C-alpha atoms as a PDB file:
ATOM      1  CA  MET A   1     -10.340  18.937 -63.581  1.00  0.00           C
ATOM      2  CA  SER A   2     -10.173  15.642 -65.574  1.00  0.00           C
ATOM      3  CA  TYR A   3     -11.958  15.440 -68.756  1.00  0.00           C
ATOM      4  CA  PHE A   4     -13.557  12.026 -68.524  1.00  0.00           C
ATOM      5  CA  LYS A   5     -14.079  10.706 -64.967  1.00  0.00           C
ATOM      6  CA  ILE A   6     -15.271   7.568 -63.526  1.00  0.00           C
ATOM      7  CA  GLN A   7     -15.927   8.049 -59.814  1.00  0.00           C
ATOM      8  CA  GLU A   8     -16.272   4.922 -57.474  1.00  0.00           C
ATOM      9  CA  VAL A   9     -18.303   3.025 -60.018  1.00  0.00           C
ATOM     10  CA  SER A  10     -19.479  -0.462 -58.875  1.00  0.00           C
ATOM     11  CA  LYS A  11     -21.958  -3.197 -60.295  1.00  0.00           C
ATOM     12  CA  SER A  12     -23.236  -6.475 -59.092  1.00  0.00           C
ATOM     13  CA  TYR A  13     -25.366  -9.163 -60.816  1.00  0.00           C
ATOM     14  CA  THR A  14     -27.494 -11.463 -58.392  1.00  0.00           C
ATOM     15  CA  ALA A  15     -25.311 -10.451 -55.423  1.00  0.00           C
ATOM     16  CA  GLN A  16     -22.151 -11.413 -57.324  1.00  0.00           C
ATOM     17  CA  PRO A  17     -19.810  -8.389 -57.691  1.00  0.00           C
ATOM     18  CA  ALA A  18     -18.937  -7.630 -61.270  1.00  0.00           C
ATOM     19  CA  LEU A  19     -17.144  -4.430 -60.461  1.00  0.00           C
ATOM     20  CA  HIS A  20     -15.698  -3.331 -57.086  1.00  0.00           C
ATOM     21  CA  PRO A  21     -15.609   0.467 -56.791  1.00  0.00           C
ATOM     22  CA  ILE A  22     -13.404   1.770 -59.642  1.00  0.00           C
ATOM     23  CA  SER A  23     -12.156   5.395 -60.361  1.00  0.00           C
ATOM     24  CA  ILE A  24     -10.547   6.509 -63.483  1.00  0.00           C
ATOM     25  CA  SER A  25      -9.535  10.075 -64.628  1.00  0.00           C
ATOM     26  CA  LEU A  26      -8.522  10.913 -68.128  1.00  0.00           C
ATOM     27  CA  ASN A  27      -7.605  14.190 -69.843  1.00  0.00           C
ATOM     28  CA  ARG A  28      -8.838  15.068 -73.369  1.00  0.00           C
ATOM     29  CA  GLY A  29      -7.105  12.970 -75.982  1.00  0.00           C
ATOM     30  CA  ASP A  30      -5.674  10.459 -73.515  1.00  0.00           C
ATOM     31  CA  PHE A  31      -5.392   6.806 -74.425  1.00  0.00           C
ATOM     32  CA  LEU A  32      -6.027   4.144 -71.785  1.00  0.00           C
ATOM     33  CA  SER A  33      -5.841   0.302 -72.243  1.00  0.00           C
ATOM     34  CA  ILE A  34      -7.702  -1.819 -69.707  1.00  0.00           C
ATOM     35  CA  VAL A  35      -6.346  -5.325 -69.592  1.00  0.00           C
ATOM     36  CA  GLY A  36      -8.050  -8.322 -67.906  1.00  0.00           C
ATOM     37  CA  GLU A  37      -9.019 -12.000 -68.458  1.00  0.00           C
ATOM     38  CA  SER A  38     -12.635 -12.937 -69.356  1.00  0.00           C
ATOM     39  CA  GLY A  39     -15.162 -12.237 -66.661  1.00  0.00           C
ATOM     40  CA  SER A  40     -12.958  -9.462 -65.181  1.00  0.00           C
ATOM     41  CA  GLY A  41     -15.612  -6.711 -65.643  1.00  0.00           C
ATOM     42  CA  LYS A  42     -14.196  -4.974 -68.729  1.00  0.00           C
ATOM     43  CA  SER A  43     -17.229  -4.843 -70.959  1.00  0.00           C
ATOM     44  CA  THR A  44     -19.555  -3.951 -68.031  1.00  0.00           C
ATOM     45  CA  LEU A  45     -17.288  -1.065 -67.100  1.00  0.00           C
ATOM     46  CA  LEU A  46     -17.402   0.104 -70.766  1.00  0.00           C
ATOM     47  CA  ARG A  47     -21.136   0.008 -70.978  1.00  0.00           C
ATOM     48  CA  ILE A  48     -21.362   2.005 -67.860  1.00  0.00           C
ATOM     49  CA  MET A  49     -18.986   4.574 -69.116  1.00  0.00           C
ATOM     50  CA  ALA A  50     -21.188   4.857 -72.283  1.00  0.00           C
ATOM     51  CA  GLY A  51     -24.410   5.365 -70.290  1.00  0.00           C
ATOM     52  CA  LEU A  52     -25.774   2.042 -71.622  1.00  0.00           C
ATOM     53  CA  GLU A  53     -25.853   0.153 -68.342  1.00  0.00           C
ATOM     54  CA  GLU A  54     -26.863   1.156 -64.874  1.00  0.00           C
ATOM     55  CA  GLN A  55     -24.294   1.033 -62.091  1.00  0.00           C
ATOM     56  CA  ASP A  56     -25.056   0.220 -58.462  1.00  0.00           C
ATOM     57  CA  SER A  57     -23.093   3.142 -57.215  1.00  0.00           C
ATOM     58  CA  GLY A  58     -20.666   5.827 -58.414  1.00  0.00           C
ATOM     59  CA  LYS A  59     -20.920   8.422 -61.231  1.00  0.00           C
ATOM     60  CA  VAL A  60     -19.489   9.115 -64.632  1.00  0.00           C
ATOM     61  CA  PHE A  61     -18.607  12.514 -65.869  1.00  0.00           C
ATOM     62  CA  LEU A  62     -17.664  13.919 -69.277  1.00  0.00           C
ATOM     63  CA  GLU A  63     -16.270  17.566 -69.017  1.00  0.00           C
ATOM     64  CA  GLY A  64     -18.397  18.015 -65.823  1.00  0.00           C
ATOM     65  CA  MET A  65     -21.622  16.625 -67.340  1.00  0.00           C
ATOM     66  CA  GLU A  66     -22.983  13.520 -65.537  1.00  0.00           C
ATOM     67  CA  ILE A  67     -23.417  10.572 -67.728  1.00  0.00           C
ATOM     68  CA  LEU A  68     -26.792   9.081 -66.876  1.00  0.00           C
ATOM     69  CA  SER A  69     -27.639   5.464 -66.917  1.00  0.00           C
ATOM     70  CA  PRO A  70     -30.683   4.119 -68.922  1.00  0.00           C
ATOM     71  CA  LYS A  71     -32.839   4.242 -65.823  1.00  0.00           C
ATOM     72  CA  HIS A  72     -32.534   7.949 -65.698  1.00  0.00           C
ATOM     73  CA  LYS A  73     -32.604   8.748 -69.489  1.00  0.00           C
ATOM     74  CA  VAL A  74     -35.318   8.166 -72.050  1.00  0.00           C
ATOM     75  CA  VAL A  75     -32.840   7.202 -74.821  1.00  0.00           C
ATOM     76  CA  ALA A  76     -29.846   5.322 -73.426  1.00  0.00           C
ATOM     77  CA  GLY A  77     -26.374   6.500 -74.498  1.00  0.00           C
ATOM     78  CA  TYR A  78     -24.758   9.822 -75.581  1.00  0.00           C
ATOM     79  CA  PRO A  79     -23.576  10.925 -79.039  1.00  0.00           C
ATOM     80  CA  GLU A  80     -20.402  12.253 -77.285  1.00  0.00           C
ATOM     81  CA  ILE A  81     -19.386   8.653 -76.244  1.00  0.00           C
ATOM     82  CA  LYS A  82     -19.256   5.837 -78.776  1.00  0.00           C
ATOM     83  CA  LEU A  83     -18.928   2.082 -77.922  1.00  0.00           C
ATOM     84  CA  ILE A  84     -17.469  -0.028 -80.684  1.00  0.00           C
ATOM     85  CA  TYR A  85     -18.007  -3.847 -80.276  1.00  0.00           C
ATOM     86  CA  GLN A  86     -16.146  -6.842 -81.630  1.00  0.00           C
ATOM     87  CA  ASP A  87     -18.890  -8.130 -83.918  1.00  0.00           C
ATOM     88  CA  PHE A  88     -19.024  -5.088 -86.283  1.00  0.00           C
ATOM     89  CA  HIS A  89     -22.829  -4.319 -86.141  1.00  0.00           C
ATOM     90  CA  LEU A  90     -22.956  -3.473 -89.904  1.00  0.00           C
ATOM     91  CA  PHE A  91     -26.104  -3.337 -92.079  1.00  0.00           C
ATOM     92  CA  PRO A  92     -25.518  -6.362 -94.622  1.00  0.00           C
ATOM     93  CA  ASN A  93     -27.450  -4.731 -97.583  1.00  0.00           C
ATOM     94  CA  SER A  94     -25.730  -1.307 -97.254  1.00  0.00           C
ATOM     95  CA  THR A  95     -22.342  -0.454 -98.800  1.00  0.00           C
ATOM     96  CA  VAL A  96     -19.276   0.771 -96.907  1.00  0.00           C
ATOM     97  CA  ALA A  97     -20.176   4.448 -97.571  1.00  0.00           C
ATOM     98  CA  GLU A  98     -23.815   3.995 -96.560  1.00  0.00           C
ATOM     99  CA  ASN A  99     -22.878   2.169 -93.457  1.00  0.00           C
ATOM    100  CA  ILE A 100     -20.620   5.079 -92.318  1.00  0.00           C
ATOM    101  CA  ALA A 101     -23.298   7.517 -93.190  1.00  0.00           C
ATOM    102  CA  ARG A 102     -26.024   5.790 -91.202  1.00  0.00           C
ATOM    103  CA  PRO A 103     -25.656   7.799 -87.935  1.00  0.00           C
ATOM    104  CA  LEU A 104     -25.630  11.020 -90.131  1.00  0.00           C
ATOM    105  CA  LEU A 105     -29.092  10.636 -91.612  1.00  0.00           C
ATOM    106  CA  GLN A 106     -30.517  13.503 -89.474  1.00  0.00           C
ATOM    107  CA  PHE A 107     -27.507  15.864 -90.128  1.00  0.00           C
ATOM    108  CA  ASP A 108     -27.076  18.373 -92.908  1.00  0.00           C
ATOM    109  CA  LYS A 109     -26.499  16.578 -96.268  1.00  0.00           C
ATOM    110  CA  SER A 110     -23.463  18.415 -97.195  1.00  0.00           C
ATOM    111  CA  TYR A 111     -21.858  17.988 -93.843  1.00  0.00           C
ATOM    112  CA  ALA A 112     -22.730  14.202 -93.821  1.00  0.00           C
ATOM    113  CA  LYS A 113     -21.204  13.658 -97.244  1.00  0.00           C
ATOM    114  CA  GLN A 114     -17.963  15.567 -96.290  1.00  0.00           C
ATOM    115  CA  ARG A 115     -17.598  13.625 -93.035  1.00  0.00           C
ATOM    116  CA  VAL A 116     -18.184  10.275 -94.829  1.00  0.00           C
ATOM    117  CA  GLU A 117     -15.435  11.200 -97.344  1.00  0.00           C
ATOM    118  CA  LEU A 118     -13.096  12.245 -94.630  1.00  0.00           C
ATOM    119  CA  LEU A 119     -13.419   8.964 -92.644  1.00  0.00           C
ATOM    120  CA  ILE A 120     -13.088   6.981 -95.876  1.00  0.00           C
ATOM    121  CA  GLN A 121      -9.946   8.695 -96.629  1.00  0.00           C
ATOM    122  CA  MET A 122      -8.425   8.563 -93.070  1.00  0.00           C
ATOM    123  CA  LEU A 123      -9.101   4.800 -92.636  1.00  0.00           C
ATOM    124  CA  GLY A 124      -7.967   3.794 -96.124  1.00  0.00           C
ATOM    125  CA  LEU A 125     -11.306   2.603 -97.309  1.00  0.00           C
ATOM    126  CA  GLN A 126     -11.460   4.263-100.729  1.00  0.00           C
ATOM    127  CA  PRO A 127     -11.126   1.023-102.765  1.00  0.00           C
ATOM    128  CA  PHE A 128     -13.987  -0.536-100.759  1.00  0.00           C
ATOM    129  CA  ARG A 129     -16.590   2.315-100.543  1.00  0.00           C
ATOM    130  CA  ASP A 130     -19.213   0.570-102.912  1.00  0.00           C
ATOM    131  CA  ARG A 131     -18.718  -2.906-101.424  1.00  0.00           C
ATOM    132  CA  PHE A 132     -21.104  -4.682 -99.069  1.00  0.00           C
ATOM    133  CA  PRO A 133     -19.865  -6.109 -95.687  1.00  0.00           C
ATOM    134  CA  ARG A 134     -19.919  -9.620 -97.178  1.00  0.00           C
ATOM    135  CA  GLU A 135     -17.311  -8.591 -99.587  1.00  0.00           C
ATOM    136  CA  LEU A 136     -14.903  -7.296 -96.929  1.00  0.00           C
ATOM    137  CA  SER A 137     -12.130  -8.968 -94.932  1.00  0.00           C
ATOM    138  CA  GLY A 138     -12.450  -8.959 -91.093  1.00  0.00           C
ATOM    139  CA  GLY A 139     -10.035  -5.861 -90.826  1.00  0.00           C
ATOM    140  CA  GLN A 140     -11.921  -4.039 -93.419  1.00  0.00           C
ATOM    141  CA  LYS A 141     -15.228  -4.635 -91.632  1.00  0.00           C
ATOM    142  CA  GLN A 142     -13.721  -3.359 -88.349  1.00  0.00           C
ATOM    143  CA  LYS A 143     -12.573  -0.257 -90.082  1.00  0.00           C
ATOM    144  CA  VAL A 144     -16.067   0.515 -91.275  1.00  0.00           C
ATOM    145  CA  ALA A 145     -17.487  -0.168 -87.816  1.00  0.00           C
ATOM    146  CA  ILE A 146     -14.982   2.238 -86.324  1.00  0.00           C
ATOM    147  CA  ALA A 147     -15.673   4.777 -89.074  1.00  0.00           C
ATOM    148  CA  ASN A 148     -19.398   4.453 -88.356  1.00  0.00           C
ATOM    149  CA  GLY A 149     -18.614   5.154 -84.739  1.00  0.00           C
ATOM    150  CA  LEU A 150     -16.505   8.166 -85.518  1.00  0.00           C
ATOM    151  CA  SER A 151     -19.003   9.684 -87.981  1.00  0.00           C
ATOM    152  CA  VAL A 152     -20.759  11.812 -85.371  1.00  0.00           C
ATOM    153  CA  GLU A 153     -17.460  13.118 -84.013  1.00  0.00           C
ATOM    154  CA  PRO A 154     -17.603  11.542 -80.495  1.00  0.00           C
ATOM    155  CA  GLU A 155     -15.518  13.065 -77.776  1.00  0.00           C
ATOM    156  CA  VAL A 156     -14.801   9.513 -76.335  1.00  0.00           C
ATOM    157  CA  LEU A 157     -14.304   6.230 -78.201  1.00  0.00           C
ATOM    158  CA  LEU A 158     -14.716   3.011 -76.203  1.00  0.00           C
ATOM    159  CA  LEU A 159     -13.376  -0.141 -77.799  1.00  0.00           C
ATOM    160  CA  ASP A 160     -14.629  -3.417 -76.469  1.00  0.00           C
ATOM    161  CA  GLU A 161     -12.053  -6.157 -77.833  1.00  0.00           C
ATOM    162  CA  PRO A 162     -12.736  -4.923 -81.441  1.00  0.00           C
ATOM    163  CA  PHE A 163      -9.723  -6.904 -82.824  1.00  0.00           C
ATOM    164  CA  GLY A 164     -10.438 -10.310 -81.295  1.00  0.00           C
ATOM    165  CA  SER A 165     -11.610 -11.822 -84.598  1.00  0.00           C
ATOM    166  CA  LEU A 166      -8.749 -10.592 -86.755  1.00  0.00           C
ATOM    167  CA  ASP A 167      -5.514 -12.415 -87.594  1.00  0.00           C
ATOM    168  CA  THR A 168      -2.266 -11.168 -86.217  1.00  0.00           C
ATOM    169  CA  ILE A 169      -1.124  -9.259 -89.333  1.00  0.00           C
ATOM    170  CA  GLN A 170      -4.474  -7.574 -89.839  1.00  0.00           C
ATOM    171  CA  LYS A 171      -4.658  -6.687 -86.223  1.00  0.00           C
ATOM    172  CA  GLN A 172      -1.398  -5.054 -85.866  1.00  0.00           C
ATOM    173  CA  ARG A 173      -1.785  -3.118 -89.033  1.00  0.00           C
ATOM    174  CA  LEU A 174      -5.229  -1.907 -88.052  1.00  0.00           C
ATOM    175  CA  ILE A 175      -4.130  -0.842 -84.547  1.00  0.00           C
ATOM    176  CA  VAL A 176      -1.347   1.187 -85.873  1.00  0.00           C
ATOM    177  CA  ASP A 177      -3.555   2.893 -88.441  1.00  0.00           C
ATOM    178  CA  LEU A 178      -6.333   3.523 -85.894  1.00  0.00           C
ATOM    179  CA  LYS A 179      -3.931   4.934 -83.339  1.00  0.00           C
ATOM    180  CA  ALA A 180      -2.595   7.560 -85.864  1.00  0.00           C
ATOM    181  CA  THR A 181      -6.213   8.428 -86.997  1.00  0.00           C
ATOM    182  CA  LEU A 182      -7.482   8.937 -83.324  1.00  0.00           C
ATOM    183  CA  GLU A 183      -4.372  10.979 -82.377  1.00  0.00           C
ATOM    184  CA  GLU A 184      -4.988  13.212 -85.315  1.00  0.00           C
ATOM    185  CA  MET A 185      -8.612  13.831 -84.364  1.00  0.00           C
ATOM    186  CA  GLY A 186      -7.883  14.376 -80.724  1.00  0.00           C
ATOM    187  CA  THR A 187     -10.304  11.558 -79.519  1.00  0.00           C
ATOM    188  CA  THR A 188     -10.082  10.261 -75.952  1.00  0.00           C
ATOM    189  CA  VAL A 189      -9.885   6.467 -76.213  1.00  0.00           C
ATOM    190  CA  VAL A 190     -10.449   3.655 -73.716  1.00  0.00           C
ATOM    191  CA  PHE A 191      -9.537   0.102 -75.098  1.00  0.00           C
ATOM    192  CA  VAL A 192     -10.297  -3.077 -73.225  1.00  0.00           C
ATOM    193  CA  THR A 193      -8.734  -6.299 -74.203  1.00  0.00           C
ATOM    194  CA  HIS A 194      -7.359  -9.586 -72.662  1.00  0.00           C
ATOM    195  CA  ASP A 195      -4.152  -9.382 -74.962  1.00  0.00           C
ATOM    196  CA  LEU A 196      -1.420  -7.142 -73.493  1.00  0.00           C
ATOM    197  CA  ASP A 197       0.429  -6.959 -76.863  1.00  0.00           C
ATOM    198  CA  ASP A 198      -2.636  -5.398 -78.442  1.00  0.00           C
ATOM    199  CA  ALA A 199      -2.993  -3.092 -75.476  1.00  0.00           C
ATOM    200  CA  LEU A 200       0.687  -1.919 -75.810  1.00  0.00           C
ATOM    201  CA  ARG A 201       0.409  -1.245 -79.557  1.00  0.00           C
ATOM    202  CA  LEU A 202      -2.214   1.349 -78.812  1.00  0.00           C
ATOM    203  CA  THR A 203      -0.801   2.985 -75.655  1.00  0.00           C
ATOM    204  CA  ASP A 204       1.663   2.584 -72.827  1.00  0.00           C
ATOM    205  CA  ASN A 205      -1.003   3.682 -70.321  1.00  0.00           C
ATOM    206  CA  LEU A 206      -2.306   0.609 -68.655  1.00  0.00           C
ATOM    207  CA  LEU A 207      -4.923  -0.442 -66.126  1.00  0.00           C
ATOM    208  CA  ILE A 208      -4.994  -4.110 -65.057  1.00  0.00           C
ATOM    209  CA  LEU A 209      -8.479  -5.448 -64.016  1.00  0.00           C
ATOM    210  CA  GLN A 210      -8.878  -8.801 -62.174  1.00  0.00           C
ATOM    211  CA  LYS A 211     -12.226 -10.154 -60.874  1.00  0.00           C
ATOM    212  CA  GLY A 212     -13.848  -6.648 -61.061  1.00  0.00           C
ATOM    213  CA  LYS A 213     -10.894  -5.039 -59.247  1.00  0.00           C
ATOM    214  CA  VAL A 214      -8.154  -2.573 -60.291  1.00  0.00           C
ATOM    215  CA  VAL A 215      -5.081  -4.573 -59.233  1.00  0.00           C
ATOM    216  CA  GLN A 216      -2.427  -2.158 -60.674  1.00  0.00           C
ATOM    217  CA  GLU A 217      -2.100   0.671 -63.063  1.00  0.00           C
ATOM    218  CA  GLY A 218       0.712   2.768 -64.775  1.00  0.00           C
ATOM    219  CA  ASN A 219       3.078   2.609 -67.702  1.00  0.00           C
ATOM    220  CA  SER A 220       4.162  -0.781 -69.088  1.00  0.00           C
ATOM    221  CA  ARG A 221       7.750  -0.546 -67.735  1.00  0.00           C
ATOM    222  CA  HIS A 222       6.819  -0.031 -64.360  1.00  0.00           C
ATOM    223  CA  LEU A 223       4.159  -2.837 -64.258  1.00  0.00           C
ATOM    224  CA  CYS A 224       6.666  -5.207 -65.909  1.00  0.00           C
ATOM    225  CA  GLU A 225       9.557  -4.372 -63.549  1.00  0.00           C
ATOM    226  CA  TYR A 226       7.406  -3.965 -60.339  1.00  0.00           C
ATOM    227  CA  PRO A 227       4.285  -6.135 -60.648  1.00  0.00           C
ATOM    228  CA  LYS A 228       2.260  -6.484 -57.546  1.00  0.00           C
ATOM    229  CA  SER A 229       1.191 -10.105 -58.118  1.00  0.00           C
ATOM    230  CA  LYS A 230       1.872 -13.286 -60.203  1.00  0.00           C
ATOM    231  CA  TYR A 231      -1.016 -12.431 -62.392  1.00  0.00           C
ATOM    232  CA  ILE A 232       0.371  -9.226 -63.444  1.00  0.00           C
ATOM    233  CA  ALA A 233       3.889 -10.464 -63.842  1.00  0.00           C
ATOM    234  CA  GLN A 234       2.584 -13.364 -66.088  1.00  0.00           C
ATOM    235  CA  LEU A 235       0.943 -10.843 -68.411  1.00  0.00           C
ATOM    236  CA  PHE A 236       4.331  -9.857 -69.628  1.00  0.00           C
ATOM    237  CA  SER A 237       6.079 -13.214 -69.830  1.00  0.00           C
ATOM    238  CA  SER A 238       6.343 -16.447 -68.020  1.00  0.00           C
ATOM    239  CA  ILE A 239       8.036 -16.549 -64.816  1.00  0.00           C
ATOM    240  CA  ASN A 240      10.183 -19.133 -62.988  1.00  0.00           C
ATOM    241  CA  SER A 241       9.800 -20.015 -59.352  1.00  0.00           C
ATOM    242  CA  ILE A 242      12.921 -19.976 -57.201  1.00  0.00           C
ATOM    243  CA  SER A 243      12.353 -22.891 -54.844  1.00  0.00           C
ATOM    244  CA  LYS A 244      14.821 -22.020 -52.108  1.00  0.00           C
ATOM    245  CA  GLU A 245      12.983 -18.630 -51.551  1.00  0.00           C
ATOM    246  CA  GLU A 246       9.269 -18.616 -50.924  1.00  0.00           C
ATOM    247  CA  ASN A 247       7.165 -16.468 -53.404  1.00  0.00           C
ATOM    248  CA  THR A 248      10.191 -15.379 -55.422  1.00  0.00           C
ATOM    249  CA  PHE A 249      10.420 -15.531 -59.220  1.00  0.00           C
ATOM    250  CA  ILE A 250      12.732 -14.660 -62.055  1.00  0.00           C
ATOM    251  CA  ARG A 251      11.795 -13.933 -65.604  1.00  0.00           C
ATOM    252  CA  PRO A 252      13.391 -16.135 -68.537  1.00  0.00           C
ATOM    253  CA  SER A 253      15.116 -13.034 -69.953  1.00  0.00           C
ATOM    254  CA  ASP A 254      16.817 -12.345 -66.624  1.00  0.00           C
ATOM    255  CA  VAL A 255      18.519 -15.755 -66.407  1.00  0.00           C
ATOM    256  CA  LYS A 256      22.129 -15.865 -67.654  1.00  0.00           C
ATOM    257  CA  LEU A 257      23.356 -19.107 -69.270  1.00  0.00           C
ATOM    258  CA  ARG A 258      26.842 -20.178 -68.431  1.00  0.00           C
ATOM    259  CA  THR A 259      29.216 -23.197 -69.175  1.00  0.00           C
ATOM    260  CA  ALA A 260      30.416 -23.278 -65.532  1.00  0.00           C
ATOM    261  CA  ASN A 261      29.735 -21.859 -62.098  1.00  0.00           C
ATOM    262  CA  GLY A 262      25.990 -21.488 -61.263  1.00  0.00           C
ATOM    263  CA  LEU A 263      22.919 -23.738 -60.660  1.00  0.00           C
ATOM    264  CA  LEU A 264      23.326 -26.952 -62.616  1.00  0.00           C
ATOM    265  CA  ALA A 265      20.702 -27.823 -65.264  1.00  0.00           C
ATOM    266  CA  HIS A 266      20.137 -29.571 -68.550  1.00  0.00           C
ATOM    267  CA  VAL A 267      18.400 -28.314 -71.847  1.00  0.00           C
ATOM    268  CA  GLU A 268      15.404 -30.622 -72.269  1.00  0.00           C
ATOM    269  CA  ASP A 269      13.877 -28.720 -75.332  1.00  0.00           C
ATOM    270  CA  LEU A 270      14.012 -25.554 -77.308  1.00  0.00           C
ATOM    271  CA  ARG A 271      11.850 -23.446 -79.479  1.00  0.00           C
ATOM    272  CA  PHE A 272      13.199 -21.120 -82.076  1.00  0.00           C
ATOM    273  CA  LEU A 273      11.553 -17.698 -81.719  1.00  0.00           C
ATOM    274  CA  VAL A 274      12.106 -14.449 -83.778  1.00  0.00           C
ATOM    275  CA  HIS A 275      14.683 -12.840 -81.407  1.00  0.00           C
ATOM    276  CA  PHE A 276      16.020 -15.838 -79.347  1.00  0.00           C
ATOM    277  CA  ASN A 277      15.766 -19.438 -78.692  1.00  0.00           C
ATOM    278  CA  SER A 278      13.361 -20.268 -75.812  1.00  0.00           C
ATOM    279  CA  LEU A 279      14.862 -23.169 -73.754  1.00  0.00           C
ATOM    280  CA  GLN A 280      13.099 -25.623 -71.474  1.00  0.00           C
ATOM    281  CA  ILE A 281      15.669 -26.325 -68.776  1.00  0.00           C
ATOM    282  CA  ARG A 282      15.502 -28.971 -65.947  1.00  0.00           C
ATOM    283  CA  ILE A 283      17.046 -27.972 -62.632  1.00  0.00           C
ATOM    284  CA  LYS A 284      19.378 -30.713 -61.401  1.00  0.00           C
ATOM    285  CA  GLU A 285      18.851 -29.971 -57.637  1.00  0.00           C
ATOM    286  CA  SER A 286      15.025 -29.424 -57.537  1.00  0.00           C
ATOM    287  CA  GLY A 287      13.891 -31.245 -60.650  1.00  0.00           C
ATOM    288  CA  GLU A 288      11.841 -28.093 -61.671  1.00  0.00           C
ATOM    289  CA  LEU A 289      11.451 -27.132 -65.265  1.00  0.00           C
ATOM    290  CA  TRP A 290      12.335 -23.563 -66.120  1.00  0.00           C
ATOM    291  CA  GLU A 291      12.010 -21.448 -69.335  1.00  0.00           C
ATOM    292  CA  VAL A 292      15.099 -19.491 -70.102  1.00  0.00           C
ATOM    293  CA  ASP A 293      15.910 -17.217 -73.201  1.00  0.00           C
ATOM    294  CA  ASP A 294      19.014 -17.939 -75.192  1.00  0.00           C
ATOM    295  CA  PRO A 295      19.547 -14.834 -77.294  1.00  0.00           C
ATOM    296  CA  GLN A 296      22.864 -16.128 -78.837  1.00  0.00           C
ATOM    297  CA  ARG A 297      21.067 -19.472 -79.770  1.00  0.00           C
ATOM    298  CA  LYS A 298      24.215 -21.219 -78.312  1.00  0.00           C
ATOM    299  CA  TYR A 299      22.797 -24.207 -76.582  1.00  0.00           C
ATOM    300  CA  GLN A 300      21.131 -27.384 -77.886  1.00  0.00           C
ATOM    301  CA  LYS A 301      18.857 -30.041 -76.468  1.00  0.00           C
ATOM    302  CA  GLY A 302      20.752 -32.157 -74.012  1.00  0.00           C
ATOM    303  CA  ASP A 303      23.483 -29.565 -73.172  1.00  0.00           C
ATOM    304  CA  ARG A 304      24.577 -29.089 -69.545  1.00  0.00           C
ATOM    305  CA  VAL A 305      24.226 -25.447 -68.510  1.00  0.00           C
ATOM    306  CA  TYR A 306      24.780 -23.349 -65.370  1.00  0.00           C
ATOM    307  CA  LEU A 307      22.235 -20.768 -64.463  1.00  0.00           C
ATOM    308  CA  THR A 308      22.924 -17.324 -62.616  1.00  0.00           C
ATOM    309  CA  TRP A 309      20.865 -14.154 -62.272  1.00  0.00           C
ATOM    310  CA  ASP A 310      21.133 -10.622 -60.758  1.00  0.00           C
ATOM    311  CA  GLU A 311      19.538 -10.699 -57.285  1.00  0.00           C
ATOM    312  CA  GLY A 312      18.075  -7.221 -58.272  1.00  0.00           C
ATOM    313  CA  ARG A 313      15.991  -8.766 -60.861  1.00  0.00           C
ATOM    314  CA  VAL A 314      14.257 -11.256 -58.534  1.00  0.00           C
ATOM    315  CA  MET A 315      10.490 -10.586 -57.949  1.00  0.00           C
ATOM    316  CA  THR A 316       8.680 -11.329 -54.571  1.00  0.00           C
ATOM    317  CA  LEU A 317       5.129 -11.852 -55.562  1.00  0.00           C
ATOM    318  CA  LYS A 318       1.765 -12.817 -53.958  1.00  0.00           C
END
């Protein structure tokens, strides 16, 4: 039996479906990243998982216990399931330590003190324990918000795009630190984001949500190599349309560049990226503009090139 289970959950607003029936099963300690564009229903799904919003149909279970919606519960939500938002929700006139301790006010004082110290240490907040939120960076504030959520030892942590306001360096470091902390604690984690790179830094277990529907799920390699639609394929990279064959595409990294024998084209522009040059290439025959990777950084703007590819790498997509 799965530990955390979402069973045929759906939700509509004014007759507009926000979520079509969705089912998810997680074992204890599993990590799941839900990826989708704005308006795909990610946040709605998380609030239903947390017992903070009423669904139209379906049920949510934690270790066999049904998670009731606010309509069926005097106080909405459950201490076993904690939802962390993007906008921190910190008390401005409380220190870092005081913010983390807020949910523990009704707990035994010695336990509360021990728990706060543990979280401060695990999340690297020792130098900032006596600072106020206004004195912290965005990454530090998010760590405090996460520590606040973890203070009551929730079984499930739901993360609603909590890294969206952070710069790239802060975000990458925080995700790595957070992953190690949550794995050590054995917490079950569901993370929603529109950024695939962020999702993959936390876990390889993906669910793709589009317009309230689960369009594909699985590990990143399977979704990258066998996408069911253009939308899913483009989450991983740009794709080039092969004009001679309807609904067929090839990734920039799968196109081979040659000095002879192949599809004739010219380099119109290039961008220097960390691991390769990204070339903008105009196909002579069709006039189409393709994006192609040049890992050897061999070609320059204006060069004539010939393109080939392995037919096994061609994707047929809706």
